Amino acid sequence: MSNKQIRIAAVKLITEVAAVLSITWAAYQLHFNLSSATSVHLLLVTVIALRWGFFEASVVSLLSVACLDYFFTKPLFELYMADSHDWVALVTFESVALLVSRLSNQEGRHARESEAHRLSLQKLYELSQNILLLDRHEPVDQQLAMHIQATLQVRGVALWNAQDLRLCRSGICDFTEDEVRSTYFTERNEDDALTSTSRRVLRSGTRAIGSLVICGHSLDSASMNATASLAAVAIERSALLLRRKQCGSSPAE
């Protein structure tokens, strides 16, 4: 864990403790009973779960149980409960708090995943539009590398065009030409989560026509596959247009 992560965790912990103590003191000063105080603490746990996640909400729920026991169950100002009904109430609170935290955490995660998927689709759509506007008079593979790097907002792109035996780069991608070509020759598709790097073989039908390495990205495997497909279509389309142009100029020669 980095120093930044430690500082963030410390700030969260201090904020959680301060929030629990503040709410507990306010409820005590307003002479809330156990039921009312429990409702307020449950609201706090839900907010923390939505804002930060399940672990933080679990910590808050445990702190809340201790404060509710200390301030709102007899004997007061002791971590002890004489009435079995209080035990039931606090155990129920903790169970509900953990369940709500879990559900809130799942909902938040699904929302983040949906947003990430939406952004990925938007980037792929922009990439497809840019590919349609490629300059036919310039090398397509170099334009592709630049558009992929800029549109997908990745650190770097390396593209090997097997038809022209050419490597094109855009951004920073610390892979040698041999490493990029090896993806083509070994026909290896893989994603490395540790280095945020993906390798894809570019195919036209079942025939390999190149390879693509994308460095420093946060896109999922499906987005990488779609990017590789778009790149392969663009390269094959450019080659087809070039062949048609050469065939059309043959009689004049």
C-alpha atoms as a PDB file:
ATOM      1  CA  MET A   1       0.000   0.000   0.000  1.00  0.00           C
ATOM      2  CA  SER A   2       1.398   3.395  -1.031  1.00  0.00           C
ATOM      3  CA  ASN A   3       1.721   6.428   1.241  1.00  0.00           C
ATOM      4  CA  LYS A   4      -1.152   8.106  -0.578  1.00  0.00           C
ATOM      5  CA  GLN A   5      -3.428   5.127   0.004  1.00  0.00           C
ATOM      6  CA  ILE A   6      -2.444   5.060   3.687  1.00  0.00           C
ATOM      7  CA  ARG A   7      -3.292   8.748   4.033  1.00  0.00           C
ATOM      8  CA  ILE A   8      -6.653   8.262   2.328  1.00  0.00           C
ATOM      9  CA  ALA A   9      -7.465   5.304   4.597  1.00  0.00           C
ATOM     10  CA  ALA A  10      -6.492   7.339   7.673  1.00  0.00           C
ATOM     11  CA  VAL A  11      -8.675  10.264   6.606  1.00  0.00           C
ATOM     12  CA  LYS A  12     -11.615   7.925   6.031  1.00  0.00           C
ATOM     13  CA  LEU A  13     -11.180   6.310   9.439  1.00  0.00           C
ATOM     14  CA  ILE A  14     -11.000   9.674  11.217  1.00  0.00           C
ATOM     15  CA  THR A  15     -14.069  10.892   9.332  1.00  0.00           C
ATOM     16  CA  GLU A  16     -16.012   7.749  10.208  1.00  0.00           C
ATOM     17  CA  VAL A  17     -15.164   7.972  13.919  1.00  0.00           C
ATOM     18  CA  ALA A  18     -16.009  11.678  13.998  1.00  0.00           C
ATOM     19  CA  ALA A  19     -19.345  11.082  12.232  1.00  0.00           C
ATOM     20  CA  VAL A  20     -20.370   8.253  14.575  1.00  0.00           C
ATOM     21  CA  LEU A  21     -19.405  10.198  17.697  1.00  0.00           C
ATOM     22  CA  SER A  22     -21.121  13.363  16.475  1.00  0.00           C
ATOM     23  CA  ILE A  23     -24.378  11.618  15.668  1.00  0.00           C
ATOM     24  CA  THR A  24     -24.287   9.666  18.926  1.00  0.00           C
ATOM     25  CA  TRP A  25     -23.707  12.811  21.003  1.00  0.00           C
ATOM     26  CA  ALA A  26     -26.437  14.723  19.189  1.00  0.00           C
ATOM     27  CA  ALA A  27     -28.906  11.868  19.681  1.00  0.00           C
ATOM     28  CA  TYR A  28     -27.995  11.647  23.361  1.00  0.00           C
ATOM     29  CA  GLN A  29     -28.409  15.381  23.881  1.00  0.00           C
ATOM     30  CA  LEU A  30     -31.813  15.242  22.181  1.00  0.00           C
ATOM     31  CA  HIS A  31     -32.815  12.365  24.476  1.00  0.00           C
ATOM     32  CA  PHE A  32     -33.389   9.862  21.684  1.00  0.00           C
ATOM     33  CA  ASN A  33     -34.344   6.360  22.724  1.00  0.00           C
ATOM     34  CA  LEU A  34     -32.545   3.262  21.407  1.00  0.00           C
ATOM     35  CA  SER A  35     -34.948   2.852  18.496  1.00  0.00           C
ATOM     36  CA  SER A  36     -34.552   6.445  17.250  1.00  0.00           C
ATOM     37  CA  ALA A  37     -30.774   6.435  17.692  1.00  0.00           C
ATOM     38  CA  THR A  38     -30.551   3.138  15.829  1.00  0.00           C
ATOM     39  CA  SER A  39     -32.430   4.616  12.860  1.00  0.00           C
ATOM     40  CA  VAL A  40     -30.029   7.561  12.643  1.00  0.00           C
ATOM     41  CA  HIS A  41     -26.980   5.299  12.796  1.00  0.00           C
ATOM     42  CA  LEU A  42     -28.446   3.030  10.126  1.00  0.00           C
ATOM     43  CA  LEU A  43     -28.823   6.066   7.855  1.00  0.00           C
ATOM     44  CA  LEU A  44     -25.156   6.909   8.449  1.00  0.00           C
ATOM     45  CA  VAL A  45     -24.079   3.364   7.610  1.00  0.00           C
ATOM     46  CA  THR A  46     -26.072   3.497   4.357  1.00  0.00           C
ATOM     47  CA  VAL A  47     -24.499   6.814   3.347  1.00  0.00           C
ATOM     48  CA  ILE A  48     -20.985   5.506   4.055  1.00  0.00           C
ATOM     49  CA  ALA A  49     -21.721   2.337   2.063  1.00  0.00           C
ATOM     50  CA  LEU A  50     -22.875   4.345  -0.945  1.00  0.00           C
ATOM     51  CA  ARG A  51     -19.998   6.793  -0.698  1.00  0.00           C
ATOM     52  CA  TRP A  52     -17.033   4.556   0.168  1.00  0.00           C
ATOM     53  CA  GLY A  53     -17.980   0.883   0.166  1.00  0.00           C
ATOM     54  CA  PHE A  54     -18.717  -2.201   2.224  1.00  0.00           C
ATOM     55  CA  PHE A  55     -15.562  -2.309   4.356  1.00  0.00           C
ATOM     56  CA  GLU A  56     -15.875   1.292   5.545  1.00  0.00           C
ATOM     57  CA  ALA A  57     -19.592   0.821   6.248  1.00  0.00           C
ATOM     58  CA  SER A  58     -18.827  -2.323   8.269  1.00  0.00           C
ATOM     59  CA  VAL A  59     -16.379  -0.369  10.431  1.00  0.00           C
ATOM     60  CA  VAL A  60     -19.011   2.322  11.014  1.00  0.00           C
ATOM     61  CA  SER A  61     -21.640  -0.269  11.937  1.00  0.00           C
ATOM     62  CA  LEU A  62     -19.355  -1.799  14.592  1.00  0.00           C
ATOM     63  CA  LEU A  63     -18.572   1.640  16.032  1.00  0.00           C
ATOM     64  CA  SER A  64     -22.283   2.419  16.035  1.00  0.00           C
ATOM     65  CA  VAL A  65     -23.108  -0.741  17.978  1.00  0.00           C
ATOM     66  CA  ALA A  66     -20.546   0.195  20.629  1.00  0.00           C
ATOM     67  CA  CYS A  67     -21.905   3.756  20.917  1.00  0.00           C
ATOM     68  CA  LEU A  68     -25.527   2.610  21.039  1.00  0.00           C
ATOM     69  CA  ASP A  69     -24.669   0.153  23.776  1.00  0.00           C
ATOM     70  CA  TYR A  70     -22.715   2.738  25.762  1.00  0.00           C
ATOM     71  CA  PHE A  71     -25.186   5.612  25.557  1.00  0.00           C
ATOM     72  CA  PHE A  72     -28.639   4.089  25.010  1.00  0.00           C
ATOM     73  CA  THR A  73     -28.846   0.726  26.814  1.00  0.00           C
ATOM     74  CA  LYS A  74     -28.957   0.121  30.540  1.00  0.00           C
ATOM     75  CA  PRO A  75     -26.728   0.291  32.454  1.00  0.00           C
ATOM     76  CA  LEU A  76     -25.702   3.567  30.776  1.00  0.00           C
ATOM     77  CA  PHE A  77     -22.065   4.409  30.099  1.00  0.00           C
ATOM     78  CA  GLU A  78     -21.021   0.775  30.238  1.00  0.00           C
ATOM     79  CA  LEU A  79     -20.359  -1.686  27.448  1.00  0.00           C
ATOM     80  CA  TYR A  80     -22.824  -4.120  28.923  1.00  0.00           C
ATOM     81  CA  MET A  81     -26.517  -4.855  28.329  1.00  0.00           C
ATOM     82  CA  ALA A  82     -28.719  -6.204  31.091  1.00  0.00           C
ATOM     83  CA  ASP A  83     -31.879  -6.479  29.007  1.00  0.00           C
ATOM     84  CA  SER A  84     -32.036  -9.265  26.439  1.00  0.00           C
ATOM     85  CA  HIS A  85     -34.279  -7.095  24.277  1.00  0.00           C
ATOM     86  CA  ASP A  86     -31.395  -4.667  23.845  1.00  0.00           C
ATOM     87  CA  TRP A  87     -29.223  -7.532  22.664  1.00  0.00           C
ATOM     88  CA  VAL A  88     -31.824  -8.441  20.064  1.00  0.00           C
ATOM     89  CA  ALA A  89     -32.147  -4.815  18.961  1.00  0.00           C
ATOM     90  CA  LEU A  90     -28.400  -4.291  18.490  1.00  0.00           C
ATOM     91  CA  VAL A  91     -27.821  -7.665  16.826  1.00  0.00           C
ATOM     92  CA  THR A  92     -30.679  -6.873  14.447  1.00  0.00           C
ATOM     93  CA  PHE A  93     -29.195  -3.431  13.776  1.00  0.00           C
ATOM     94  CA  GLU A  94     -25.775  -4.889  12.970  1.00  0.00           C
ATOM     95  CA  SER A  95     -27.291  -7.535  10.678  1.00  0.00           C
ATOM     96  CA  VAL A  96     -29.425  -4.995   8.822  1.00  0.00           C
ATOM     97  CA  ALA A  97     -26.504  -2.559   8.602  1.00  0.00           C
ATOM     98  CA  LEU A  98     -24.226  -5.196   7.051  1.00  0.00           C
ATOM     99  CA  LEU A  99     -26.951  -6.294   4.638  1.00  0.00           C
ATOM    100  CA  VAL A 100     -27.707  -2.727   3.568  1.00  0.00           C
ATOM    101  CA  SER A 101     -23.985  -2.038   3.199  1.00  0.00           C
ATOM    102  CA  ARG A 102     -23.563  -5.095   1.023  1.00  0.00           C
ATOM    103  CA  LEU A 103     -26.514  -4.230  -1.204  1.00  0.00           C
ATOM    104  CA  SER A 104     -25.438  -0.593  -1.480  1.00  0.00           C
ATOM    105  CA  ASN A 105     -21.906  -1.656  -2.356  1.00  0.00           C
ATOM    106  CA  GLN A 106     -23.175  -3.994  -5.082  1.00  0.00           C
ATOM    107  CA  GLU A 107     -25.441  -1.300  -6.482  1.00  0.00           C
ATOM    108  CA  GLY A 108     -22.581   1.186  -6.531  1.00  0.00           C
ATOM    109  CA  ARG A 109     -20.288  -1.322  -8.230  1.00  0.00           C
ATOM    110  CA  HIS A 110     -22.914  -2.107 -10.877  1.00  0.00           C
ATOM    111  CA  ALA A 111     -23.403   1.598 -11.504  1.00  0.00           C
ATOM    112  CA  ARG A 112     -19.656   2.110 -11.944  1.00  0.00           C
ATOM    113  CA  GLU A 113     -19.407  -0.880 -14.267  1.00  0.00           C
ATOM    114  CA  SER A 114     -22.338   0.408 -16.347  1.00  0.00           C
ATOM    115  CA  GLU A 115     -20.730   3.829 -16.619  1.00  0.00           C
ATOM    116  CA  ALA A 116     -17.384   2.308 -17.611  1.00  0.00           C
ATOM    117  CA  HIS A 117     -19.137   0.179 -20.248  1.00  0.00           C
ATOM    118  CA  ARG A 118     -20.960   3.242 -21.595  1.00  0.00           C
ATOM    119  CA  LEU A 119     -17.703   5.183 -21.865  1.00  0.00           C
ATOM    120  CA  SER A 120     -16.036   2.250 -23.623  1.00  0.00           C
ATOM    121  CA  LEU A 121     -18.834   2.083 -26.189  1.00  0.00           C
ATOM    122  CA  GLN A 122     -18.614   5.816 -26.724  1.00  0.00           C
ATOM    123  CA  LYS A 123     -14.856   5.611 -27.333  1.00  0.00           C
ATOM    124  CA  LEU A 124     -15.277   2.700 -29.739  1.00  0.00           C
ATOM    125  CA  TYR A 125     -17.933   4.634 -31.652  1.00  0.00           C
ATOM    126  CA  GLU A 126     -15.606   7.641 -31.917  1.00  0.00           C
ATOM    127  CA  LEU A 127     -12.809   5.355 -33.066  1.00  0.00           C
ATOM    128  CA  SER A 128     -14.997   3.829 -35.784  1.00  0.00           C
ATOM    129  CA  GLN A 129     -15.951   7.327 -36.970  1.00  0.00           C
ATOM    130  CA  ASN A 130     -12.297   8.371 -37.094  1.00  0.00           C
ATOM    131  CA  ILE A 131     -11.384   5.247 -39.040  1.00  0.00           C
ATOM    132  CA  LEU A 132     -13.965   6.117 -41.681  1.00  0.00           C
ATOM    133  CA  LEU A 133     -12.230   9.476 -42.145  1.00  0.00           C
ATOM    134  CA  LEU A 134      -8.706   8.088 -42.602  1.00  0.00           C
ATOM    135  CA  ASP A 135      -6.638   9.765 -45.295  1.00  0.00           C
ATOM    136  CA  ARG A 136      -6.196   7.240 -48.098  1.00  0.00           C
ATOM    137  CA  HIS A 137      -3.097   9.049 -49.349  1.00  0.00           C
ATOM    138  CA  GLU A 138      -1.216   8.488 -46.069  1.00  0.00           C
ATOM    139  CA  PRO A 139      -0.127   5.207 -44.419  1.00  0.00           C
ATOM    140  CA  VAL A 140      -3.244   3.785 -42.782  1.00  0.00           C
ATOM    141  CA  ASP A 141      -1.441   1.849 -40.071  1.00  0.00           C
ATOM    142  CA  GLN A 142       0.288   4.945 -38.658  1.00  0.00           C
ATOM    143  CA  GLN A 143      -3.002   6.842 -38.662  1.00  0.00           C
ATOM    144  CA  LEU A 144      -4.652   3.899 -36.908  1.00  0.00           C
ATOM    145  CA  ALA A 145      -2.051   3.844 -34.151  1.00  0.00           C
ATOM    146  CA  MET A 146      -2.502   7.561 -33.572  1.00  0.00           C
ATOM    147  CA  HIS A 147      -6.301   7.408 -33.559  1.00  0.00           C
ATOM    148  CA  ILE A 148      -6.387   4.414 -31.208  1.00  0.00           C
ATOM    149  CA  GLN A 149      -4.018   6.103 -28.767  1.00  0.00           C
ATOM    150  CA  ALA A 150      -5.868   9.438 -28.837  1.00  0.00           C
ATOM    151  CA  THR A 151      -9.466   8.179 -28.923  1.00  0.00           C
ATOM    152  CA  LEU A 152      -9.133   5.430 -26.328  1.00  0.00           C
ATOM    153  CA  GLN A 153      -6.901   7.672 -24.187  1.00  0.00           C
ATOM    154  CA  VAL A 154      -4.255   5.014 -23.604  1.00  0.00           C
ATOM    155  CA  ARG A 155      -0.580   5.491 -22.823  1.00  0.00           C
ATOM    156  CA  GLY A 156       0.738   3.972 -26.027  1.00  0.00           C
ATOM    157  CA  VAL A 157       0.013   1.835 -29.090  1.00  0.00           C
ATOM    158  CA  ALA A 158       2.252  -0.372 -31.222  1.00  0.00           C
ATOM    159  CA  LEU A 159       0.819  -1.806 -34.459  1.00  0.00           C
ATOM    160  CA  TRP A 160       2.553  -4.331 -36.719  1.00  0.00           C
ATOM    161  CA  ASN A 161       1.277  -4.423 -40.295  1.00  0.00           C
ATOM    162  CA  ALA A 162       2.263  -7.836 -41.670  1.00  0.00           C
ATOM    163  CA  GLN A 163       1.239  -6.883 -45.210  1.00  0.00           C
ATOM    164  CA  ASP A 164       3.717  -4.004 -45.417  1.00  0.00           C
ATOM    165  CA  LEU A 165       6.143  -5.405 -42.799  1.00  0.00           C
ATOM    166  CA  ARG A 166       5.969  -2.130 -40.910  1.00  0.00           C
ATOM    167  CA  LEU A 167       5.741  -1.211 -37.220  1.00  0.00           C
ATOM    168  CA  CYS A 168       3.886   1.953 -36.278  1.00  0.00           C
ATOM    169  CA  ARG A 169       3.820   3.563 -32.844  1.00  0.00           C
ATOM    170  CA  SER A 170       1.924   6.274 -31.045  1.00  0.00           C
ATOM    171  CA  GLY A 171       2.494   7.395 -27.463  1.00  0.00           C
ATOM    172  CA  ILE A 172       4.671   5.401 -25.086  1.00  0.00           C
ATOM    173  CA  CYS A 173       4.638   1.611 -25.322  1.00  0.00           C
ATOM    174  CA  ASP A 174       7.828  -0.056 -24.121  1.00  0.00           C
ATOM    175  CA  PHE A 175       7.751  -3.044 -26.449  1.00  0.00           C
ATOM    176  CA  THR A 176      10.432  -3.831 -28.990  1.00  0.00           C
ATOM    177  CA  GLU A 177       9.555  -4.534 -32.600  1.00  0.00           C
ATOM    178  CA  ASP A 178      10.356  -8.223 -32.099  1.00  0.00           C
ATOM    179  CA  GLU A 179       7.946  -8.424 -29.163  1.00  0.00           C
ATOM    180  CA  VAL A 180       5.148  -6.830 -31.164  1.00  0.00           C
ATOM    181  CA  ARG A 181       5.806  -9.097 -34.138  1.00  0.00           C
ATOM    182  CA  SER A 182       5.894 -12.168 -31.885  1.00  0.00           C
ATOM    183  CA  THR A 183       2.232 -11.565 -31.092  1.00  0.00           C
ATOM    184  CA  TYR A 184       1.524 -11.936 -34.806  1.00  0.00           C
ATOM    185  CA  PHE A 185       3.665 -15.037 -35.310  1.00  0.00           C
ATOM    186  CA  THR A 186       2.478 -16.830 -32.169  1.00  0.00           C
ATOM    187  CA  GLU A 187      -1.114 -15.605 -32.706  1.00  0.00           C
ATOM    188  CA  ARG A 188      -1.392 -14.825 -29.008  1.00  0.00           C
ATOM    189  CA  ASN A 189      -4.213 -12.722 -27.560  1.00  0.00           C
ATOM    190  CA  GLU A 190      -3.752 -11.795 -23.913  1.00  0.00           C
ATOM    191  CA  ASP A 191      -4.443  -9.137 -21.295  1.00  0.00           C
ATOM    192  CA  ASP A 192      -1.979  -8.345 -18.516  1.00  0.00           C
ATOM    193  CA  ALA A 193      -3.813  -6.604 -15.661  1.00  0.00           C
ATOM    194  CA  LEU A 194      -0.577  -5.937 -13.750  1.00  0.00           C
ATOM    195  CA  THR A 195       0.935  -3.824 -16.532  1.00  0.00           C
ATOM    196  CA  SER A 196      -2.396  -2.707 -18.067  1.00  0.00           C
ATOM    197  CA  THR A 197      -1.253  -4.077 -21.409  1.00  0.00           C
ATOM    198  CA  SER A 198      -3.177  -6.002 -24.054  1.00  0.00           C
ATOM    199  CA  ARG A 199      -1.990  -7.936 -27.103  1.00  0.00           C
ATOM    200  CA  ARG A 200      -4.233  -8.760 -30.041  1.00  0.00           C
ATOM    201  CA  VAL A 201      -3.750 -10.492 -33.387  1.00  0.00           C
ATOM    202  CA  LEU A 202      -5.352  -8.567 -36.258  1.00  0.00           C
ATOM    203  CA  ARG A 203      -7.347 -10.875 -38.482  1.00  0.00           C
ATOM    204  CA  SER A 204      -9.159 -10.669 -41.765  1.00  0.00           C
ATOM    205  CA  GLY A 205     -11.500 -13.608 -41.490  1.00  0.00           C
ATOM    206  CA  THR A 206      -9.258 -16.411 -40.268  1.00  0.00           C
ATOM    207  CA  ARG A 207      -6.077 -14.932 -41.768  1.00  0.00           C
ATOM    208  CA  ALA A 208      -3.695 -12.985 -39.513  1.00  0.00           C
ATOM    209  CA  ILE A 209      -2.685  -9.645 -41.044  1.00  0.00           C
ATOM    210  CA  GLY A 210      -0.920  -7.973 -38.123  1.00  0.00           C
ATOM    211  CA  SER A 211      -0.720  -7.466 -34.399  1.00  0.00           C
ATOM    212  CA  LEU A 212      -1.683  -4.747 -31.951  1.00  0.00           C
ATOM    213  CA  VAL A 213      -0.256  -3.937 -28.515  1.00  0.00           C
ATOM    214  CA  ILE A 214      -1.998  -1.348 -26.336  1.00  0.00           C
ATOM    215  CA  CYS A 215      -0.235  -0.107 -23.192  1.00  0.00           C
ATOM    216  CA  GLY A 216      -1.545   1.730 -20.141  1.00  0.00           C
ATOM    217  CA  HIS A 217      -5.293   1.305 -20.478  1.00  0.00           C
ATOM    218  CA  SER A 218      -8.269   0.447 -18.276  1.00  0.00           C
ATOM    219  CA  LEU A 219     -10.540  -1.050 -20.928  1.00  0.00           C
ATOM    220  CA  ASP A 220     -12.040  -4.522 -20.731  1.00  0.00           C
ATOM    221  CA  SER A 221     -11.234  -7.493 -22.938  1.00  0.00           C
ATOM    222  CA  ALA A 222     -14.320  -7.012 -25.124  1.00  0.00           C
ATOM    223  CA  SER A 223     -13.289  -3.435 -25.916  1.00  0.00           C
ATOM    224  CA  MET A 224      -9.809  -4.647 -26.856  1.00  0.00           C
ATOM    225  CA  ASN A 225     -11.304  -7.261 -29.186  1.00  0.00           C
ATOM    226  CA  ALA A 226     -13.519  -4.631 -30.804  1.00  0.00           C
ATOM    227  CA  THR A 227     -10.559  -2.283 -31.264  1.00  0.00           C
ATOM    228  CA  ALA A 228      -8.527  -5.035 -32.912  1.00  0.00           C
ATOM    229  CA  SER A 229     -11.440  -5.842 -35.240  1.00  0.00           C
ATOM    230  CA  LEU A 230     -11.809  -2.193 -36.275  1.00  0.00           C
ATOM    231  CA  ALA A 231      -8.077  -1.927 -36.939  1.00  0.00           C
ATOM    232  CA  ALA A 232      -8.066  -5.133 -38.998  1.00  0.00           C
ATOM    233  CA  VAL A 233     -11.011  -3.954 -41.095  1.00  0.00           C
ATOM    234  CA  ALA A 234      -9.308  -0.608 -41.748  1.00  0.00           C
ATOM    235  CA  ILE A 235      -6.025  -2.255 -42.828  1.00  0.00           C
ATOM    236  CA  GLU A 236      -7.778  -4.783 -45.059  1.00  0.00           C
ATOM    237  CA  ARG A 237      -9.983  -2.092 -46.592  1.00  0.00           C
ATOM    238  CA  SER A 238      -6.931   0.044 -47.360  1.00  0.00           C
ATOM    239  CA  ALA A 239      -5.175  -2.929 -48.982  1.00  0.00           C
ATOM    240  CA  LEU A 240      -8.273  -3.694 -51.060  1.00  0.00           C
ATOM    241  CA  LEU A 241      -8.546  -0.116 -52.302  1.00  0.00           C
ATOM    242  CA  LEU A 242      -4.844  -0.137 -53.192  1.00  0.00           C
ATOM    243  CA  ARG A 243      -5.237  -3.367 -55.197  1.00  0.00           C
ATOM    244  CA  ARG A 244      -8.243  -1.948 -57.052  1.00  0.00           C
ATOM    245  CA  LYS A 245      -6.291   1.209 -57.830  1.00  0.00           C
ATOM    246  CA  GLN A 246      -3.358  -0.810 -59.157  1.00  0.00           C
ATOM    247  CA  CYS A 247      -5.655  -3.000 -61.272  1.00  0.00           C
ATOM    248  CA  GLY A 248      -7.370   0.063 -62.659  1.00  0.00           C
ATOM    249  CA  SER A 249      -4.057   1.583 -63.708  1.00  0.00           C
ATOM    250  CA  SER A 250      -2.715  -1.601 -65.343  1.00  0.00           C
ATOM    251  CA  PRO A 251      -4.260  -1.119 -68.814  1.00  0.00           C
ATOM    252  CA  ALA A 252      -2.815   2.380 -69.072  1.00  0.00           C
ATOM    253  CA  GLU A 253       0.623   1.058 -68.368  1.00  0.00           C
END
